């Protein structure tokens, strides 16, 4: 079986990322554009380019349910200590979907990867 390639317009330079909690949407850092690209893997299309802080670097990112905003995906940044939380539920939390719903202050001058605690109730991812 042959692999199929789909080209999707994005931003410079799509670097690394991970899936939202449903595994439908791929969230990928455009680290030289300070954006996160949301890719719908079911329809092979760009859903949104989201402005975030300087040089996003999520690794695979992290998913959890925020008590106010519902399901979110989080990324840290190499160029700042900020952590961006992006709403990921376009059905039950449409008003929060595909935008930064909260920015947290981290420690230090930036981070390379982000992870939740294994006992946080989200499955540790």
N, C-alpha and C. Protein backbone atom coordinates (compact mmCIF):
# COMPACT_ATOMS: atom_id res chain seq x y z
N UNK A 1 0.85 -1.18 0.00
CA UNK A 1 0.00 0.00 0.00
C UNK A 1 0.89 1.24 0.00
N UNK A 2 0.55 2.21 -0.81
CA UNK A 2 1.33 3.43 -0.94
C UNK A 2 0.83 4.50 0.02
N UNK A 3 1.76 5.27 0.53
CA UNK A 3 1.39 6.40 1.36
C UNK A 3 0.90 7.54 0.48
N UNK A 4 -0.05 8.29 0.98
CA UNK A 4 -0.58 9.44 0.26
C UNK A 4 -0.05 10.70 0.92
N UNK A 5 0.34 11.66 0.13
CA UNK A 5 0.84 12.93 0.63
C UNK A 5 -0.18 14.02 0.33
N UNK A 6 -0.47 14.85 1.33
CA UNK A 6 -1.36 15.98 1.16
C UNK A 6 -0.61 17.24 1.56
N UNK A 7 -0.59 18.23 0.68
CA UNK A 7 0.03 19.51 1.01
C UNK A 7 -1.02 20.45 1.56
N UNK A 8 -0.69 21.08 2.69
CA UNK A 8 -1.60 22.01 3.34
C UNK A 8 -0.85 23.31 3.59
N UNK A 9 -1.44 24.43 3.20
CA UNK A 9 -0.82 25.73 3.47
C UNK A 9 -0.73 25.91 4.98
N UNK A 10 0.37 26.48 5.43
CA UNK A 10 0.56 26.68 6.86
C UNK A 10 1.28 27.98 7.12
N UNK A 11 2.28 27.92 7.97
CA UNK A 11 3.11 29.08 8.31
C UNK A 11 4.53 28.55 8.50
N UNK A 12 5.53 29.43 8.52
CA UNK A 12 6.93 29.01 8.68
C UNK A 12 7.21 28.69 10.13
N UNK A 13 7.92 27.79 10.47
CA UNK A 13 8.17 26.51 9.85
C UNK A 13 7.49 25.47 10.71
N UNK A 14 6.66 24.63 10.12
CA UNK A 14 5.98 23.60 10.90
C UNK A 14 7.04 22.65 11.45
N UNK A 15 7.07 22.53 12.76
CA UNK A 15 8.21 21.90 13.42
C UNK A 15 7.84 20.62 14.15
N UNK A 16 7.08 20.71 15.20
CA UNK A 16 6.66 19.52 15.94
C UNK A 16 5.31 19.78 16.57
N UNK A 17 4.67 18.71 17.02
CA UNK A 17 3.35 18.88 17.61
C UNK A 17 2.76 17.55 18.02
N UNK A 18 1.48 17.58 18.31
CA UNK A 18 0.78 16.38 18.76
C UNK A 18 -0.71 16.53 18.55
N UNK A 19 -1.42 15.46 18.84
CA UNK A 19 -2.87 15.44 18.63
C UNK A 19 -3.63 16.00 19.81
N UNK A 20 -4.83 16.51 19.53
CA UNK A 20 -5.75 16.88 20.60
C UNK A 20 -6.25 15.59 21.23
N UNK A 21 -7.08 15.69 22.25
CA UNK A 21 -7.52 14.50 22.99
C UNK A 21 -8.36 13.55 22.16
N UNK A 22 -9.01 14.03 21.09
CA UNK A 22 -9.83 13.16 20.24
C UNK A 22 -9.02 12.44 19.17
N UNK A 23 -7.77 12.84 18.99
CA UNK A 23 -6.86 12.31 17.97
C UNK A 23 -7.30 12.68 16.55
N UNK A 24 -8.22 13.62 16.42
CA UNK A 24 -8.65 14.09 15.09
C UNK A 24 -7.80 15.27 14.62
N UNK A 25 -7.49 16.17 15.52
CA UNK A 25 -6.80 17.41 15.16
C UNK A 25 -5.34 17.34 15.56
N UNK A 26 -4.47 17.64 14.60
CA UNK A 26 -3.03 17.69 14.87
C UNK A 26 -2.64 19.14 15.09
N UNK A 27 -2.03 19.41 16.23
CA UNK A 27 -1.62 20.75 16.63
C UNK A 27 -0.11 20.83 16.43
N UNK A 28 0.33 21.69 15.52
CA UNK A 28 1.75 21.71 15.17
C UNK A 28 2.30 23.14 15.24
N UNK A 29 3.48 23.26 15.82
CA UNK A 29 4.11 24.57 15.99
C UNK A 29 4.70 25.07 14.69
N UNK A 30 4.39 26.31 14.36
CA UNK A 30 5.08 27.05 13.29
C UNK A 30 6.03 27.97 14.04
N UNK A 31 7.19 27.42 14.39
CA UNK A 31 8.03 28.07 15.39
C UNK A 31 8.67 29.38 14.94
N UNK A 32 8.80 29.63 13.66
CA UNK A 32 9.36 30.91 13.22
C UNK A 32 8.27 31.94 12.91
N UNK A 33 7.02 31.54 13.09
CA UNK A 33 5.89 32.44 12.87
C UNK A 33 5.14 32.72 14.16
N UNK A 34 5.55 32.05 15.25
CA UNK A 34 4.88 32.19 16.55
C UNK A 34 3.40 31.85 16.45
N UNK A 35 3.13 30.71 15.82
CA UNK A 35 1.77 30.25 15.63
C UNK A 35 1.68 28.74 15.88
N UNK A 36 0.46 28.30 16.18
CA UNK A 36 0.13 26.88 16.19
C UNK A 36 -0.85 26.66 15.06
N UNK A 37 -0.55 25.69 14.19
CA UNK A 37 -1.45 25.32 13.10
C UNK A 37 -2.30 24.15 13.57
N UNK A 38 -3.61 24.26 13.36
CA UNK A 38 -4.54 23.18 13.69
C UNK A 38 -4.93 22.50 12.39
N UNK A 39 -4.60 21.20 12.28
CA UNK A 39 -4.87 20.42 11.07
C UNK A 39 -5.96 19.40 11.37
N UNK A 40 -7.03 19.41 10.59
CA UNK A 40 -8.09 18.42 10.70
C UNK A 40 -7.65 17.20 9.89
N UNK A 41 -7.29 16.12 10.58
CA UNK A 41 -6.77 14.94 9.88
C UNK A 41 -7.88 14.12 9.21
N UNK A 42 -9.12 14.35 9.57
CA UNK A 42 -10.22 13.66 8.90
C UNK A 42 -10.46 14.25 7.51
N UNK A 43 -10.36 15.58 7.41
CA UNK A 43 -10.63 16.26 6.14
C UNK A 43 -9.36 16.79 5.47
N UNK A 44 -8.20 16.51 6.08
CA UNK A 44 -6.90 16.92 5.51
C UNK A 44 -6.86 18.41 5.15
N UNK A 45 -7.22 19.25 6.14
CA UNK A 45 -7.21 20.68 5.87
C UNK A 45 -6.78 21.47 7.10
N UNK A 46 -6.30 22.68 6.84
CA UNK A 46 -5.95 23.60 7.90
C UNK A 46 -7.23 24.19 8.47
N UNK A 47 -7.39 24.08 9.79
CA UNK A 47 -8.56 24.65 10.46
C UNK A 47 -8.29 26.08 10.88
N UNK A 48 -7.10 26.31 11.47
CA UNK A 48 -6.81 27.64 12.02
C UNK A 48 -5.33 27.79 12.26
N UNK A 49 -4.83 29.02 12.13
CA UNK A 49 -3.50 29.39 12.60
C UNK A 49 -3.72 30.27 13.82
N UNK A 50 -3.15 29.85 14.94
CA UNK A 50 -3.38 30.52 16.22
C UNK A 50 -2.11 31.25 16.64
N UNK A 51 -2.22 32.54 16.92
CA UNK A 51 -1.08 33.31 17.41
C UNK A 51 -0.77 32.91 18.85
N UNK A 52 0.50 32.61 19.11
CA UNK A 52 0.96 32.28 20.46
C UNK A 52 2.22 33.09 20.75
N UNK A 53 2.88 32.81 21.86
CA UNK A 53 4.06 33.57 22.26
C UNK A 53 5.27 33.17 21.40
N UNK A 54 6.43 33.64 21.78
CA UNK A 54 7.64 33.52 20.96
C UNK A 54 8.20 32.09 20.91
N UNK A 55 8.34 31.58 19.72
CA UNK A 55 8.93 30.28 19.39
C UNK A 55 8.25 29.13 20.15
N UNK A 56 7.01 28.80 19.77
CA UNK A 56 6.33 27.68 20.43
C UNK A 56 7.10 26.38 20.21
N UNK A 57 7.18 25.56 21.23
CA UNK A 57 7.88 24.28 21.14
C UNK A 57 7.16 23.27 22.03
N UNK A 58 6.11 22.63 21.50
CA UNK A 58 5.30 21.76 22.34
C UNK A 58 5.83 20.35 22.54
N UNK A 59 6.81 19.89 21.74
CA UNK A 59 7.02 18.45 21.71
C UNK A 59 5.72 17.90 21.16
N UNK A 60 5.08 17.02 21.88
CA UNK A 60 3.75 16.56 21.45
C UNK A 60 2.63 17.40 22.06
N UNK A 61 2.99 18.35 22.92
CA UNK A 61 1.97 19.13 23.61
C UNK A 61 1.35 18.30 24.71
N UNK A 62 0.36 18.85 25.36
CA UNK A 62 -0.30 18.12 26.44
C UNK A 62 -1.79 18.47 26.43
N UNK A 63 -2.62 17.46 26.67
CA UNK A 63 -4.08 17.62 26.72
C UNK A 63 -4.56 17.46 28.14
N UNK A 64 -5.51 18.29 28.53
CA UNK A 64 -6.22 18.10 29.80
C UNK A 64 -7.53 18.87 29.74
N UNK A 65 -8.41 18.60 30.70
CA UNK A 65 -9.69 19.29 30.76
C UNK A 65 -9.57 20.43 31.76
N UNK A 66 -9.71 21.64 31.27
CA UNK A 66 -9.66 22.84 32.11
C UNK A 66 -11.03 23.02 32.76
N UNK A 67 -11.09 23.36 34.05
CA UNK A 67 -12.39 23.47 34.72
C UNK A 67 -13.30 24.56 34.13
N UNK A 68 -12.73 25.58 33.53
CA UNK A 68 -13.53 26.67 32.96
C UNK A 68 -13.69 26.55 31.44
N UNK A 69 -12.63 26.16 30.73
CA UNK A 69 -12.62 26.20 29.27
C UNK A 69 -12.84 24.86 28.59
N UNK A 70 -12.94 23.77 29.36
CA UNK A 70 -13.12 22.45 28.77
C UNK A 70 -11.80 21.90 28.26
N UNK A 71 -11.85 20.98 27.28
CA UNK A 71 -10.62 20.37 26.77
C UNK A 71 -9.67 21.41 26.17
N UNK A 72 -8.41 21.33 26.58
CA UNK A 72 -7.39 22.23 26.07
C UNK A 72 -6.15 21.43 25.70
N UNK A 73 -5.33 22.04 24.87
CA UNK A 73 -4.01 21.52 24.50
C UNK A 73 -3.03 22.63 24.84
N UNK A 74 -1.91 22.28 25.45
CA UNK A 74 -0.97 23.29 25.93
C UNK A 74 0.39 23.15 25.27
N UNK A 75 1.04 24.30 25.09
CA UNK A 75 2.41 24.34 24.58
C UNK A 75 3.22 25.34 25.37
N UNK A 76 4.49 25.03 25.52
CA UNK A 76 5.44 25.99 26.06
C UNK A 76 6.13 26.69 24.90
N UNK A 77 7.10 27.55 25.22
CA UNK A 77 7.79 28.34 24.21
C UNK A 77 9.27 28.41 24.53
N UNK A 78 10.10 28.33 23.50
CA UNK A 78 11.54 28.49 23.69
C UNK A 78 11.91 29.94 23.96
N UNK A 79 11.15 30.87 23.39
CA UNK A 79 11.50 32.28 23.47
C UNK A 79 10.87 33.04 24.61
N UNK A 80 10.07 32.37 25.45
CA UNK A 80 9.47 33.03 26.61
C UNK A 80 9.11 31.97 27.64
N UNK A 81 8.77 32.43 28.84
CA UNK A 81 8.38 31.50 29.90
C UNK A 81 6.88 31.21 29.87
N UNK A 82 6.16 31.73 28.90
CA UNK A 82 4.70 31.58 28.83
C UNK A 82 4.30 30.16 28.41
N UNK A 83 3.14 29.74 28.90
CA UNK A 83 2.51 28.48 28.50
C UNK A 83 1.14 28.84 27.96
N UNK A 84 0.87 28.48 26.71
CA UNK A 84 -0.39 28.81 26.06
C UNK A 84 -1.34 27.62 26.14
N UNK A 85 -2.58 27.87 26.60
CA UNK A 85 -3.63 26.86 26.62
C UNK A 85 -4.60 27.18 25.49
N UNK A 86 -4.83 26.21 24.62
CA UNK A 86 -5.68 26.39 23.44
C UNK A 86 -6.89 25.47 23.56
N UNK A 87 -8.09 26.05 23.43
CA UNK A 87 -9.31 25.26 23.47
C UNK A 87 -9.40 24.34 22.27
N UNK A 88 -9.84 23.07 22.50
CA UNK A 88 -9.83 22.07 21.42
C UNK A 88 -11.17 21.36 21.21
N UNK A 89 -12.26 21.92 21.71
CA UNK A 89 -13.55 21.24 21.57
C UNK A 89 -14.52 22.12 20.77
N UNK A 90 -14.56 21.95 19.43
CA UNK A 90 -15.43 22.80 18.61
C UNK A 90 -16.91 22.43 18.71
N UNK A 91 -17.24 21.35 19.40
CA UNK A 91 -18.64 20.94 19.50
C UNK A 91 -19.28 21.40 20.81
N UNK A 92 -18.69 21.06 21.95
CA UNK A 92 -19.30 21.38 23.24
C UNK A 92 -18.78 22.69 23.84
N UNK A 93 -17.65 23.20 23.35
CA UNK A 93 -17.06 24.45 23.84
C UNK A 93 -16.65 25.31 22.65
N UNK A 94 -17.60 25.53 21.75
CA UNK A 94 -17.32 26.23 20.49
C UNK A 94 -16.70 27.61 20.70
N UNK A 95 -17.13 28.32 21.73
CA UNK A 95 -16.62 29.67 21.98
C UNK A 95 -15.15 29.68 22.36
N UNK A 96 -14.60 28.53 22.78
CA UNK A 96 -13.20 28.44 23.18
C UNK A 96 -12.33 27.73 22.15
N UNK A 97 -12.95 27.17 21.12
CA UNK A 97 -12.22 26.32 20.19
C UNK A 97 -11.24 27.11 19.33
N UNK A 98 -10.05 26.58 19.25
CA UNK A 98 -9.00 27.05 18.35
C UNK A 98 -8.56 28.49 18.64
N UNK A 99 -8.49 28.80 19.93
CA UNK A 99 -7.92 30.09 20.34
C UNK A 99 -7.24 29.90 21.69
N UNK A 100 -6.32 30.81 21.99
CA UNK A 100 -5.66 30.77 23.30
C UNK A 100 -6.68 31.24 24.33
N UNK A 101 -7.04 30.34 25.25
CA UNK A 101 -8.03 30.68 26.27
C UNK A 101 -7.37 31.16 27.56
N UNK A 102 -6.10 30.80 27.75
CA UNK A 102 -5.38 31.25 28.94
C UNK A 102 -3.89 31.17 28.67
N UNK A 103 -3.15 32.11 29.22
CA UNK A 103 -1.69 32.10 29.16
C UNK A 103 -1.17 32.06 30.59
N UNK A 104 -0.35 31.06 30.87
CA UNK A 104 0.22 30.89 32.21
C UNK A 104 1.66 31.38 32.22
N UNK A 105 2.08 31.91 33.35
CA UNK A 105 3.48 32.29 33.52
C UNK A 105 4.26 31.08 34.00
N UNK A 106 5.29 30.70 33.27
CA UNK A 106 6.16 29.60 33.67
C UNK A 106 7.33 30.13 34.47
N UNK A 107 8.31 29.29 34.66
CA UNK A 107 9.51 29.68 35.40
C UNK A 107 10.70 29.67 34.45
N UNK A 108 11.56 30.63 34.57
CA UNK A 108 12.77 30.65 33.76
C UNK A 108 12.55 31.34 32.43
N UNK A 109 13.44 31.07 31.49
CA UNK A 109 13.44 31.77 30.22
C UNK A 109 12.84 31.01 29.07
N UNK A 110 12.08 29.98 29.30
CA UNK A 110 11.48 29.21 28.23
C UNK A 110 11.54 27.73 28.56
N UNK A 111 10.94 26.92 27.69
CA UNK A 111 11.00 25.48 27.92
C UNK A 111 11.01 24.75 26.60
N UNK A 112 11.48 23.52 26.65
CA UNK A 112 11.64 22.71 25.46
C UNK A 112 10.45 21.78 25.24
N UNK A 113 9.95 21.15 26.30
CA UNK A 113 8.82 20.23 26.20
C UNK A 113 7.88 20.47 27.38
N UNK A 114 6.66 19.96 27.26
CA UNK A 114 5.67 20.12 28.32
C UNK A 114 5.01 18.77 28.56
N UNK A 115 4.63 18.50 29.80
CA UNK A 115 4.00 17.23 30.16
C UNK A 115 3.15 17.46 31.39
N UNK A 116 2.09 16.65 31.54
CA UNK A 116 1.29 16.71 32.76
C UNK A 116 1.82 15.68 33.74
N UNK A 117 1.36 15.79 34.97
CA UNK A 117 1.75 14.82 36.00
C UNK A 117 0.92 13.55 35.81
N UNK A 118 1.53 12.36 35.95
CA UNK A 118 0.81 11.10 35.72
C UNK A 118 -0.41 10.91 36.62
N UNK A 119 -0.45 11.56 37.78
CA UNK A 119 -1.58 11.40 38.69
C UNK A 119 -2.56 12.56 38.62
N UNK A 120 -2.50 13.34 37.53
CA UNK A 120 -3.37 14.51 37.42
C UNK A 120 -4.78 14.16 36.94
N UNK A 121 -5.00 12.91 36.54
CA UNK A 121 -6.33 12.50 36.12
C UNK A 121 -6.57 12.61 34.62
N UNK A 122 -5.55 13.00 33.86
CA UNK A 122 -5.72 13.13 32.42
C UNK A 122 -5.06 11.99 31.65
N UNK A 123 -4.49 11.04 32.35
CA UNK A 123 -3.82 9.94 31.68
C UNK A 123 -2.32 10.14 31.54
N UNK A 124 -1.83 11.28 32.01
CA UNK A 124 -0.39 11.49 32.03
C UNK A 124 0.24 11.90 30.73
N UNK A 125 -0.54 12.46 29.80
CA UNK A 125 0.06 12.79 28.52
C UNK A 125 0.19 14.23 28.30
